[in-house]
């Protein structure tokens, strides 16, 4: 029915109490990631 559903939760994370997820390594899909998230390795909504 052309309904789109979010999938592939391999990189998803539950946010901490301060609404961020910090990472020290791992692959980042740079072309789809906010520049500040790539630079600081801090992910938010």
ModelCIF file with pLDDT and N, C-alpha, C, O atoms, coordinates in Angstrom:
data_MODEL
#
_entry.id   MODEL 
#
_entity.id                         1 
_entity.type                       polymer 
_entity.pdbx_number_of_molecules   1 
#
_entity_poly.entity_id                      1 
_entity_poly.type                           'polypeptide(L)' 
_entity_poly.nstd_linkage                   no 
_entity_poly.nstd_monomer                   no 
_entity_poly.pdbx_seq_one_letter_code       
;(UNK)(UNK)(UNK)(UNK)(UNK)(UNK)(UNK)(UNK)(UNK)(UNK)(UNK)(UNK)(UNK)(UNK)(UNK)(UNK)
(UNK)(UNK)(UNK)(UNK)(UNK)(UNK)(UNK)(UNK)(UNK)(UNK)(UNK)(UNK)(UNK)(UNK)(UNK)(UNK)
(UNK)(UNK)(UNK)(UNK)(UNK)(UNK)(UNK)(UNK)(UNK)(UNK)(UNK)(UNK)(UNK)
;
_entity_poly.pdbx_seq_one_letter_code_can   XXXXXXXXXXXXXXXXXXXXXXXXXXXXXXXXXXXXXXXXXXXXX 
_entity_poly.pdbx_strand_id                 A 
#
loop_
_entity_poly_seq.entity_id 
_entity_poly_seq.num 
_entity_poly_seq.mon_id 
_entity_poly_seq.hetero 
1 1  UNK n 
1 2  UNK n 
1 3  UNK n 
1 4  UNK n 
1 5  UNK n 
1 6  UNK n 
1 7  UNK n 
1 8  UNK n 
1 9  UNK n 
1 10 UNK n 
1 11 UNK n 
1 12 UNK n 
1 13 UNK n 
1 14 UNK n 
1 15 UNK n 
1 16 UNK n 
1 17 UNK n 
1 18 UNK n 
1 19 UNK n 
1 20 UNK n 
1 21 UNK n 
1 22 UNK n 
1 23 UNK n 
1 24 UNK n 
1 25 UNK n 
1 26 UNK n 
1 27 UNK n 
1 28 UNK n 
1 29 UNK n 
1 30 UNK n 
1 31 UNK n 
1 32 UNK n 
1 33 UNK n 
1 34 UNK n 
1 35 UNK n 
1 36 UNK n 
1 37 UNK n 
1 38 UNK n 
1 39 UNK n 
1 40 UNK n 
1 41 UNK n 
1 42 UNK n 
1 43 UNK n 
1 44 UNK n 
1 45 UNK n 
#
_struct_asym.id          A 
_struct_asym.entity_id   1 
#
loop_
_ma_qa_metric.id 
_ma_qa_metric.mode 
_ma_qa_metric.name 
_ma_qa_metric.software_group_id 
_ma_qa_metric.type 
1 global pLDDT . pLDDT 
2 local  pLDDT . pLDDT 
#
_ma_qa_metric_global.metric_id      1 
_ma_qa_metric_global.metric_value   83.36 
_ma_qa_metric_global.model_id       1 
_ma_qa_metric_global.ordinal_id     1 
#
loop_
_ma_qa_metric_local.label_asym_id 
_ma_qa_metric_local.label_comp_id 
_ma_qa_metric_local.label_seq_id 
_ma_qa_metric_local.metric_id 
_ma_qa_metric_local.metric_value 
_ma_qa_metric_local.model_id 
_ma_qa_metric_local.ordinal_id 
A UNK 1  2 97.00 1 1  
A UNK 2  2 97.00 1 2  
A UNK 3  2 98.00 1 3  
A UNK 4  2 98.00 1 4  
A UNK 5  2 98.00 1 5  
A UNK 6  2 97.00 1 6  
A UNK 7  2 95.00 1 7  
A UNK 8  2 89.00 1 8  
A UNK 9  2 80.00 1 9  
A UNK 10 2 74.00 1 10 
A UNK 11 2 79.00 1 11 
A UNK 12 2 79.00 1 12 
A UNK 13 2 75.00 1 13 
A UNK 14 2 71.00 1 14 
A UNK 15 2 64.00 1 15 
A UNK 16 2 64.00 1 16 
A UNK 17 2 63.00 1 17 
A UNK 18 2 67.00 1 18 
A UNK 19 2 63.00 1 19 
A UNK 20 2 63.00 1 20 
A UNK 21 2 62.00 1 21 
A UNK 22 2 60.00 1 22 
A UNK 23 2 69.00 1 23 
A UNK 24 2 67.00 1 24 
A UNK 25 2 66.00 1 25 
A UNK 26 2 73.00 1 26 
A UNK 27 2 84.00 1 27 
A UNK 28 2 89.00 1 28 
A UNK 29 2 93.00 1 29 
A UNK 30 2 95.00 1 30 
A UNK 31 2 97.00 1 31 
A UNK 32 2 97.00 1 32 
A UNK 33 2 95.00 1 33 
A UNK 34 2 96.00 1 34 
A UNK 35 2 96.00 1 35 
A UNK 36 2 94.00 1 36 
A UNK 37 2 92.00 1 37 
A UNK 38 2 93.00 1 38 
A UNK 39 2 92.00 1 39 
A UNK 40 2 89.00 1 40 
A UNK 41 2 86.00 1 41 
A UNK 42 2 87.00 1 42 
A UNK 43 2 88.00 1 43 
A UNK 44 2 88.00 1 44 
A UNK 45 2 92.00 1 45 
#
loop_
_atom_site.group_PDB 
_atom_site.id 
_atom_site.type_symbol 
_atom_site.label_atom_id 
_atom_site.label_alt_id 
_atom_site.label_comp_id 
_atom_site.label_asym_id 
_atom_site.label_entity_id 
_atom_site.label_seq_id 
_atom_site.pdbx_PDB_ins_code 
_atom_site.Cartn_x 
_atom_site.Cartn_y 
_atom_site.Cartn_z 
_atom_site.occupancy 
_atom_site.B_iso_or_equiv 
_atom_site.pdbx_formal_charge 
_atom_site.auth_seq_id 
_atom_site.auth_comp_id 
_atom_site.auth_asym_id 
_atom_site.auth_atom_id 
_atom_site.pdbx_PDB_model_num 
ATOM 1   N N  . UNK A 1 1  ? 0.818  -1.221 0.000  1.00 97.00 ? 1  UNK A N  1 
ATOM 2   C CA . UNK A 1 1  ? 0.000  0.000  0.000  1.00 97.00 ? 1  UNK A CA 1 
ATOM 3   C C  . UNK A 1 1  ? 0.850  1.268  0.000  1.00 97.00 ? 1  UNK A C  1 
ATOM 4   O O  . UNK A 1 1  ? 0.336  2.363  0.229  1.00 97.00 ? 1  UNK A O  1 
ATOM 5   N N  . UNK A 1 2  ? 2.144  1.123  -0.255 1.00 97.00 ? 2  UNK A N  1 
ATOM 6   C CA . UNK A 1 2  ? 3.108  2.235  -0.251 1.00 97.00 ? 2  UNK A CA 1 
ATOM 7   C C  . UNK A 1 2  ? 3.240  2.879  1.127  1.00 97.00 ? 2  UNK A C  1 
ATOM 8   O O  . UNK A 1 2  ? 3.596  4.053  1.232  1.00 97.00 ? 2  UNK A O  1 
ATOM 9   N N  . UNK A 1 3  ? 2.955  2.119  2.180  1.00 98.00 ? 3  UNK A N  1 
ATOM 10  C CA . UNK A 1 3  ? 3.182  2.606  3.534  1.00 98.00 ? 3  UNK A CA 1 
ATOM 11  C C  . UNK A 1 3  ? 4.660  2.416  3.844  1.00 98.00 ? 3  UNK A C  1 
ATOM 12  O O  . UNK A 1 3  ? 5.202  1.323  3.678  1.00 98.00 ? 3  UNK A O  1 
ATOM 13  N N  . UNK A 1 4  ? 5.305  3.481  4.293  1.00 98.00 ? 4  UNK A N  1 
ATOM 14  C CA . UNK A 1 4  ? 6.729  3.453  4.614  1.00 98.00 ? 4  UNK A CA 1 
ATOM 15  C C  . UNK A 1 4  ? 6.912  3.209  6.104  1.00 98.00 ? 4  UNK A C  1 
ATOM 16  O O  . UNK A 1 4  ? 6.245  3.821  6.938  1.00 98.00 ? 4  UNK A O  1 
ATOM 17  N N  . UNK A 1 5  ? 7.835  2.298  6.421  1.00 98.00 ? 5  UNK A N  1 
ATOM 18  C CA . UNK A 1 5  ? 8.088  1.949  7.816  1.00 98.00 ? 5  UNK A CA 1 
ATOM 19  C C  . UNK A 1 5  ? 9.576  2.032  8.122  1.00 98.00 ? 5  UNK A C  1 
ATOM 20  O O  . UNK A 1 5  ? 10.410 1.524  7.373  1.00 98.00 ? 5  UNK A O  1 
ATOM 21  N N  . UNK A 1 6  ? 9.891  2.680  9.231  1.00 97.00 ? 6  UNK A N  1 
ATOM 22  C CA . UNK A 1 6  ? 11.273 2.796  9.680  1.00 97.00 ? 6  UNK A CA 1 
ATOM 23  C C  . UNK A 1 6  ? 11.766 1.405  10.066 1.00 97.00 ? 6  UNK A C  1 
ATOM 24  O O  . UNK A 1 6  ? 11.087 0.671  10.784 1.00 97.00 ? 6  UNK A O  1 
ATOM 25  N N  . UNK A 1 7  ? 12.956 1.051  9.581  1.00 95.00 ? 7  UNK A N  1 
ATOM 26  C CA . UNK A 1 7  ? 13.533 -0.266 9.850  1.00 95.00 ? 7  UNK A CA 1 
ATOM 27  C C  . UNK A 1 7  ? 15.035 -0.105 10.119 1.00 95.00 ? 7  UNK A C  1 
ATOM 28  O O  . UNK A 1 7  ? 15.541 1.011  10.229 1.00 95.00 ? 7  UNK A O  1 
ATOM 29  N N  . UNK A 1 8  ? 15.718 -1.212 10.219 1.00 89.00 ? 8  UNK A N  1 
ATOM 30  C CA . UNK A 1 8  ? 17.165 -1.301 10.448 1.00 89.00 ? 8  UNK A CA 1 
ATOM 31  C C  . UNK A 1 8  ? 17.586 -0.518 11.692 1.00 89.00 ? 8  UNK A C  1 
ATOM 32  O O  . UNK A 1 8  ? 18.033 0.627  11.617 1.00 89.00 ? 8  UNK A O  1 
ATOM 33  N N  . UNK A 1 9  ? 17.429 -1.171 12.819 1.00 80.00 ? 9  UNK A N  1 
ATOM 34  C CA . UNK A 1 9  ? 17.732 -0.539 14.102 1.00 80.00 ? 9  UNK A CA 1 
ATOM 35  C C  . UNK A 1 9  ? 19.120 -0.889 14.624 1.00 80.00 ? 9  UNK A C  1 
ATOM 36  O O  . UNK A 1 9  ? 19.373 -0.805 15.826 1.00 80.00 ? 9  UNK A O  1 
ATOM 37  N N  . UNK A 1 10 ? 20.025 -1.285 13.719 1.00 74.00 ? 10 UNK A N  1 
ATOM 38  C CA . UNK A 1 10 ? 21.369 -1.691 14.125 1.00 74.00 ? 10 UNK A CA 1 
ATOM 39  C C  . UNK A 1 10 ? 22.162 -0.609 14.826 1.00 74.00 ? 10 UNK A C  1 
ATOM 40  O O  . UNK A 1 10 ? 23.016 -0.915 15.659 1.00 74.00 ? 10 UNK A O  1 
ATOM 41  N N  . UNK A 1 11 ? 21.899 0.653  14.507 1.00 79.00 ? 11 UNK A N  1 
ATOM 42  C CA . UNK A 1 11 ? 22.633 1.751  15.146 1.00 79.00 ? 11 UNK A CA 1 
ATOM 43  C C  . UNK A 1 11 ? 21.777 2.532  16.133 1.00 79.00 ? 11 UNK A C  1 
ATOM 44  O O  . UNK A 1 11 ? 22.266 3.469  16.763 1.00 79.00 ? 11 UNK A O  1 
ATOM 45  N N  . UNK A 1 12 ? 20.506 2.160  16.277 1.00 79.00 ? 12 UNK A N  1 
ATOM 46  C CA . UNK A 1 12 ? 19.623 2.938  17.156 1.00 79.00 ? 12 UNK A CA 1 
ATOM 47  C C  . UNK A 1 12 ? 20.032 2.748  18.614 1.00 79.00 ? 12 UNK A C  1 
ATOM 48  O O  . UNK A 1 12 ? 20.600 1.726  18.998 1.00 79.00 ? 12 UNK A O  1 
ATOM 49  N N  . UNK A 1 13 ? 19.727 3.755  19.398 1.00 75.00 ? 13 UNK A N  1 
ATOM 50  C CA . UNK A 1 13 ? 20.084 3.738  20.814 1.00 75.00 ? 13 UNK A CA 1 
ATOM 51  C C  . UNK A 1 13 ? 19.017 4.453  21.624 1.00 75.00 ? 13 UNK A C  1 
ATOM 52  O O  . UNK A 1 13 ? 18.338 5.357  21.137 1.00 75.00 ? 13 UNK A O  1 
ATOM 53  N N  . UNK A 1 14 ? 18.887 4.025  22.869 1.00 71.00 ? 14 UNK A N  1 
ATOM 54  C CA . UNK A 1 14 ? 18.021 4.739  23.793 1.00 71.00 ? 14 UNK A CA 1 
ATOM 55  C C  . UNK A 1 14 ? 18.810 5.932  24.313 1.00 71.00 ? 14 UNK A C  1 
ATOM 56  O O  . UNK A 1 14 ? 19.994 5.822  24.632 1.00 71.00 ? 14 UNK A O  1 
ATOM 57  N N  . UNK A 1 15 ? 18.132 7.073  24.393 1.00 64.00 ? 15 UNK A N  1 
ATOM 58  C CA . UNK A 1 15 ? 18.802 8.284  24.854 1.00 64.00 ? 15 UNK A CA 1 
ATOM 59  C C  . UNK A 1 15 ? 19.011 8.256  26.361 1.00 64.00 ? 15 UNK A C  1 
ATOM 60  O O  . UNK A 1 15 ? 18.229 7.666  27.107 1.00 64.00 ? 15 UNK A O  1 
ATOM 61  N N  . UNK A 1 16 ? 20.094 8.912  26.792 1.00 64.00 ? 16 UNK A N  1 
ATOM 62  C CA . UNK A 1 16 ? 20.348 9.045  28.231 1.00 64.00 ? 16 UNK A CA 1 
ATOM 63  C C  . UNK A 1 16 ? 19.418 10.115 28.810 1.00 64.00 ? 16 UNK A C  1 
ATOM 64  O O  . UNK A 1 16 ? 18.626 10.718 28.086 1.00 64.00 ? 16 UNK A O  1 
ATOM 65  N N  . UNK A 1 17 ? 19.524 10.336 30.091 1.00 63.00 ? 17 UNK A N  1 
ATOM 66  C CA . UNK A 1 17 ? 18.658 11.322 30.755 1.00 63.00 ? 17 UNK A CA 1 
ATOM 67  C C  . UNK A 1 17 ? 18.847 12.736 30.210 1.00 63.00 ? 17 UNK A C  1 
ATOM 68  O O  . UNK A 1 17 ? 17.931 13.553 30.290 1.00 63.00 ? 17 UNK A O  1 
ATOM 69  N N  . UNK A 1 18 ? 20.027 13.034 29.656 1.00 67.00 ? 18 UNK A N  1 
ATOM 70  C CA . UNK A 1 18 ? 20.242 14.373 29.090 1.00 67.00 ? 18 UNK A CA 1 
ATOM 71  C C  . UNK A 1 18 ? 19.923 14.425 27.590 1.00 67.00 ? 18 UNK A C  1 
ATOM 72  O O  . UNK A 1 18 ? 20.337 15.350 26.893 1.00 67.00 ? 18 UNK A O  1 
ATOM 73  N N  . UNK A 1 19 ? 19.179 13.420 27.103 1.00 63.00 ? 19 UNK A N  1 
ATOM 74  C CA . UNK A 1 19 ? 18.720 13.363 25.708 1.00 63.00 ? 19 UNK A CA 1 
ATOM 75  C C  . UNK A 1 19 ? 19.847 13.324 24.687 1.00 63.00 ? 19 UNK A C  1 
ATOM 76  O O  . UNK A 1 19 ? 19.706 13.852 23.584 1.00 63.00 ? 19 UNK A O  1 
ATOM 77  N N  . UNK A 1 20 ? 20.974 12.697 25.050 1.00 63.00 ? 20 UNK A N  1 
ATOM 78  C CA . UNK A 1 20 ? 22.068 12.522 24.102 1.00 63.00 ? 20 UNK A CA 1 
ATOM 79  C C  . UNK A 1 20 ? 22.548 11.081 24.135 1.00 63.00 ? 20 UNK A C  1 
ATOM 80  O O  . UNK A 1 20 ? 22.292 10.339 25.083 1.00 63.00 ? 20 UNK A O  1 
ATOM 81  N N  . UNK A 1 21 ? 23.245 10.708 23.082 1.00 62.00 ? 21 UNK A N  1 
ATOM 82  C CA . UNK A 1 21 ? 23.958 9.438  23.056 1.00 62.00 ? 21 UNK A CA 1 
ATOM 83  C C  . UNK A 1 21 ? 25.362 9.759  22.590 1.00 62.00 ? 21 UNK A C  1 
ATOM 84  O O  . UNK A 1 21 ? 25.553 10.256 21.481 1.00 62.00 ? 21 UNK A O  1 
ATOM 85  N N  . UNK A 1 22 ? 26.350 9.477  23.431 1.00 60.00 ? 22 UNK A N  1 
ATOM 86  C CA . UNK A 1 22 ? 27.747 9.724  23.106 1.00 60.00 ? 22 UNK A CA 1 
ATOM 87  C C  . UNK A 1 22 ? 28.385 8.411  22.661 1.00 60.00 ? 22 UNK A C  1 
ATOM 88  O O  . UNK A 1 22 ? 28.101 7.348  23.213 1.00 60.00 ? 22 UNK A O  1 
ATOM 89  N N  . UNK A 1 23 ? 29.246 8.503  21.659 1.00 69.00 ? 23 UNK A N  1 
ATOM 90  C CA . UNK A 1 23 ? 29.957 7.320  21.200 1.00 69.00 ? 23 UNK A CA 1 
ATOM 91  C C  . UNK A 1 23 ? 31.432 7.648  21.074 1.00 69.00 ? 23 UNK A C  1 
ATOM 92  O O  . UNK A 1 23 ? 31.812 8.796  20.846 1.00 69.00 ? 23 UNK A O  1 
ATOM 93  N N  . UNK A 1 24 ? 32.242 6.640  21.223 1.00 67.00 ? 24 UNK A N  1 
ATOM 94  C CA . UNK A 1 24 ? 33.684 6.852  21.090 1.00 67.00 ? 24 UNK A CA 1 
ATOM 95  C C  . UNK A 1 24 ? 34.227 6.238  19.813 1.00 67.00 ? 24 UNK A C  1 
ATOM 96  O O  . UNK A 1 24 ? 35.368 6.502  19.436 1.00 67.00 ? 24 UNK A O  1 
ATOM 97  N N  . UNK A 1 25 ? 33.434 5.435  19.151 1.00 66.00 ? 25 UNK A N  1 
ATOM 98  C CA . UNK A 1 25 ? 33.931 4.793  17.938 1.00 66.00 ? 25 UNK A CA 1 
ATOM 99  C C  . UNK A 1 25 ? 32.794 4.259  17.111 1.00 66.00 ? 25 UNK A C  1 
ATOM 100 O O  . UNK A 1 25 ? 31.633 4.612  17.316 1.00 66.00 ? 25 UNK A O  1 
ATOM 101 N N  . UNK A 1 26 ? 33.139 3.409  16.178 1.00 73.00 ? 26 UNK A N  1 
ATOM 102 C CA . UNK A 1 26 ? 32.135 2.817  15.303 1.00 73.00 ? 26 UNK A CA 1 
ATOM 103 C C  . UNK A 1 26 ? 31.965 3.627  14.042 1.00 73.00 ? 26 UNK A C  1 
ATOM 104 O O  . UNK A 1 26 ? 32.439 4.758  13.933 1.00 73.00 ? 26 UNK A O  1 
ATOM 105 N N  . UNK A 1 27 ? 31.282 3.028  13.100 1.00 84.00 ? 27 UNK A N  1 
ATOM 106 C CA . UNK A 1 27 ? 31.055 3.686  11.810 1.00 84.00 ? 27 UNK A CA 1 
ATOM 107 C C  . UNK A 1 27 ? 29.899 4.666  11.920 1.00 84.00 ? 27 UNK A C  1 
ATOM 108 O O  . UNK A 1 27 ? 28.927 4.435  12.639 1.00 84.00 ? 27 UNK A O  1 
ATOM 109 N N  . UNK A 1 28 ? 30.027 5.755  11.198 1.00 89.00 ? 28 UNK A N  1 
ATOM 110 C CA . UNK A 1 28 ? 28.984 6.785  11.153 1.00 89.00 ? 28 UNK A CA 1 
ATOM 111 C C  . UNK A 1 28 ? 28.634 7.012  9.683  1.00 89.00 ? 28 UNK A C  1 
ATOM 112 O O  . UNK A 1 28 ? 29.531 7.217  8.864  1.00 89.00 ? 28 UNK A O  1 
ATOM 113 N N  . UNK A 1 29 ? 27.337 6.978  9.333  1.00 93.00 ? 29 UNK A N  1 
ATOM 114 C CA . UNK A 1 29 ? 26.940 7.259  7.940  1.00 93.00 ? 29 UNK A CA 1 
ATOM 115 C C  . UNK A 1 29 ? 27.026 8.768  7.676  1.00 93.00 ? 29 UNK A C  1 
ATOM 116 O O  . UNK A 1 29 ? 26.027 9.482  7.772  1.00 93.00 ? 29 UNK A O  1 
ATOM 117 N N  . UNK A 1 30 ? 28.212 9.233  7.347  1.00 95.00 ? 30 UNK A N  1 
ATOM 118 C CA . UNK A 1 30 ? 28.537 10.654 7.292  1.00 95.00 ? 30 UNK A CA 1 
ATOM 119 C C  . UNK A 1 30 ? 27.584 11.452 6.405  1.00 95.00 ? 30 UNK A C  1 
ATOM 120 O O  . UNK A 1 30 ? 27.174 12.550 6.781  1.00 95.00 ? 30 UNK A O  1 
ATOM 121 N N  . UNK A 1 31 ? 27.228 10.928 5.249  1.00 97.00 ? 31 UNK A N  1 
ATOM 122 C CA . UNK A 1 31 ? 26.390 11.691 4.314  1.00 97.00 ? 31 UNK A CA 1 
ATOM 123 C C  . UNK A 1 31 ? 24.989 11.946 4.857  1.00 97.00 ? 31 UNK A C  1 
ATOM 124 O O  . UNK A 1 31 ? 24.288 12.828 4.360  1.00 97.00 ? 31 UNK A O  1 
ATOM 125 N N  . UNK A 1 32 ? 24.573 11.189 5.867  1.00 97.00 ? 32 UNK A N  1 
ATOM 126 C CA . UNK A 1 32 ? 23.236 11.334 6.439  1.00 97.00 ? 32 UNK A CA 1 
ATOM 127 C C  . UNK A 1 32 ? 23.271 11.902 7.859  1.00 97.00 ? 32 UNK A C  1 
ATOM 128 O O  . UNK A 1 32 ? 22.221 12.088 8.475  1.00 97.00 ? 32 UNK A O  1 
ATOM 129 N N  . UNK A 1 33 ? 24.456 12.176 8.377  1.00 95.00 ? 33 UNK A N  1 
ATOM 130 C CA . UNK A 1 33 ? 24.592 12.579 9.773  1.00 95.00 ? 33 UNK A CA 1 
ATOM 131 C C  . UNK A 1 33 ? 24.926 14.059 9.877  1.00 95.00 ? 33 UNK A C  1 
ATOM 132 O O  . UNK A 1 33 ? 25.730 14.579 9.103  1.00 95.00 ? 33 UNK A O  1 
ATOM 133 N N  . UNK A 1 34 ? 24.304 14.732 10.838 1.00 96.00 ? 34 UNK A N  1 
ATOM 134 C CA . UNK A 1 34 ? 24.578 16.153 11.079 1.00 96.00 ? 34 UNK A CA 1 
ATOM 135 C C  . UNK A 1 34 ? 26.075 16.349 11.321 1.00 96.00 ? 34 UNK A C  1 
ATOM 136 O O  . UNK A 1 34 ? 26.686 15.574 12.057 1.00 96.00 ? 34 UNK A O  1 
ATOM 137 N N  . UNK A 1 35 ? 26.672 17.375 10.711 1.00 96.00 ? 35 UNK A N  1 
ATOM 138 C CA . UNK A 1 35 ? 28.119 17.581 10.853 1.00 96.00 ? 35 UNK A CA 1 
ATOM 139 C C  . UNK A 1 35 ? 28.584 17.650 12.306 1.00 96.00 ? 35 UNK A C  1 
ATOM 140 O O  . UNK A 1 35 ? 29.638 17.112 12.644 1.00 96.00 ? 35 UNK A O  1 
ATOM 141 N N  . UNK A 1 36 ? 27.803 18.308 13.169 1.00 94.00 ? 36 UNK A N  1 
ATOM 142 C CA . UNK A 1 36 ? 28.222 18.404 14.578 1.00 94.00 ? 36 UNK A CA 1 
ATOM 143 C C  . UNK A 1 36 ? 28.162 17.057 15.280 1.00 94.00 ? 36 UNK A C  1 
ATOM 144 O O  . UNK A 1 36 ? 28.935 16.813 16.206 1.00 94.00 ? 36 UNK A O  1 
ATOM 145 N N  . UNK A 1 37 ? 27.260 16.178 14.859 1.00 92.00 ? 37 UNK A N  1 
ATOM 146 C CA . UNK A 1 37 ? 27.197 14.831 15.439 1.00 92.00 ? 37 UNK A CA 1 
ATOM 147 C C  . UNK A 1 37 ? 28.420 14.025 15.029 1.00 92.00 ? 37 UNK A C  1 
ATOM 148 O O  . UNK A 1 37 ? 28.963 13.263 15.830 1.00 92.00 ? 37 UNK A O  1 
ATOM 149 N N  . UNK A 1 38 ? 28.858 14.191 13.777 1.00 93.00 ? 38 UNK A N  1 
ATOM 150 C CA . UNK A 1 38 ? 30.066 13.504 13.312 1.00 93.00 ? 38 UNK A CA 1 
ATOM 151 C C  . UNK A 1 38 ? 31.270 14.028 14.083 1.00 93.00 ? 38 UNK A C  1 
ATOM 152 O O  . UNK A 1 38 ? 32.095 13.251 14.564 1.00 93.00 ? 38 UNK A O  1 
ATOM 153 N N  . UNK A 1 39 ? 31.365 15.338 14.196 1.00 92.00 ? 39 UNK A N  1 
ATOM 154 C CA . UNK A 1 39 ? 32.524 15.961 14.824 1.00 92.00 ? 39 UNK A CA 1 
ATOM 155 C C  . UNK A 1 39 ? 32.605 15.660 16.325 1.00 92.00 ? 39 UNK A C  1 
ATOM 156 O O  . UNK A 1 39 ? 33.668 15.304 16.835 1.00 92.00 ? 39 UNK A O  1 
ATOM 157 N N  . UNK A 1 40 ? 31.477 15.804 17.026 1.00 89.00 ? 40 UNK A N  1 
ATOM 158 C CA . UNK A 1 40 ? 31.475 15.645 18.486 1.00 89.00 ? 40 UNK A CA 1 
ATOM 159 C C  . UNK A 1 40 ? 31.148 14.224 18.941 1.00 89.00 ? 40 UNK A C  1 
ATOM 160 O O  . UNK A 1 40 ? 31.292 13.886 20.116 1.00 89.00 ? 40 UNK A O  1 
ATOM 161 N N  . UNK A 1 41 ? 30.699 13.386 17.978 1.00 86.00 ? 41 UNK A N  1 
ATOM 162 C CA . UNK A 1 41 ? 30.257 12.022 18.292 1.00 86.00 ? 41 UNK A CA 1 
ATOM 163 C C  . UNK A 1 41 ? 29.163 12.015 19.366 1.00 86.00 ? 41 UNK A C  1 
ATOM 164 O O  . UNK A 1 41 ? 29.122 11.155 20.246 1.00 86.00 ? 41 UNK A O  1 
ATOM 165 N N  . UNK A 1 42 ? 28.269 13.026 19.251 1.00 87.00 ? 42 UNK A N  1 
ATOM 166 C CA . UNK A 1 42 ? 27.112 13.187 20.140 1.00 87.00 ? 42 UNK A CA 1 
ATOM 167 C C  . UNK A 1 42 ? 25.862 13.166 19.279 1.00 87.00 ? 42 UNK A C  1 
ATOM 168 O O  . UNK A 1 42 ? 25.723 13.957 18.346 1.00 87.00 ? 42 UNK A O  1 
ATOM 169 N N  . UNK A 1 43 ? 24.957 12.256 19.601 1.00 88.00 ? 43 UNK A N  1 
ATOM 170 C CA . UNK A 1 43 ? 23.747 12.102 18.806 1.00 88.00 ? 43 UNK A CA 1 
ATOM 171 C C  . UNK A 1 43 ? 22.526 12.463 19.635 1.00 88.00 ? 43 UNK A C  1 
ATOM 172 O O  . UNK A 1 43 ? 22.432 12.123 20.815 1.00 88.00 ? 43 UNK A O  1 
ATOM 173 N N  . UNK A 1 44 ? 21.592 13.159 18.997 1.00 88.00 ? 44 UNK A N  1 
ATOM 174 C CA . UNK A 1 44 ? 20.359 13.573 19.660 1.00 88.00 ? 44 UNK A CA 1 
ATOM 175 C C  . UNK A 1 44 ? 19.215 13.417 18.655 1.00 88.00 ? 44 UNK A C  1 
ATOM 176 O O  . UNK A 1 44 ? 19.421 13.012 17.511 1.00 88.00 ? 44 UNK A O  1 
ATOM 177 N N  . UNK A 1 45 ? 18.031 13.742 19.103 1.00 92.00 ? 45 UNK A N  1 
ATOM 178 C CA . UNK A 1 45 ? 16.899 13.745 18.184 1.00 92.00 ? 45 UNK A CA 1 
ATOM 179 C C  . UNK A 1 45 ? 17.153 14.767 17.070 1.00 92.00 ? 45 UNK A C  1 
ATOM 180 O O  . UNK A 1 45 ? 16.317 14.932 16.182 1.00 92.00 ? 45 UNK A O  1 
#
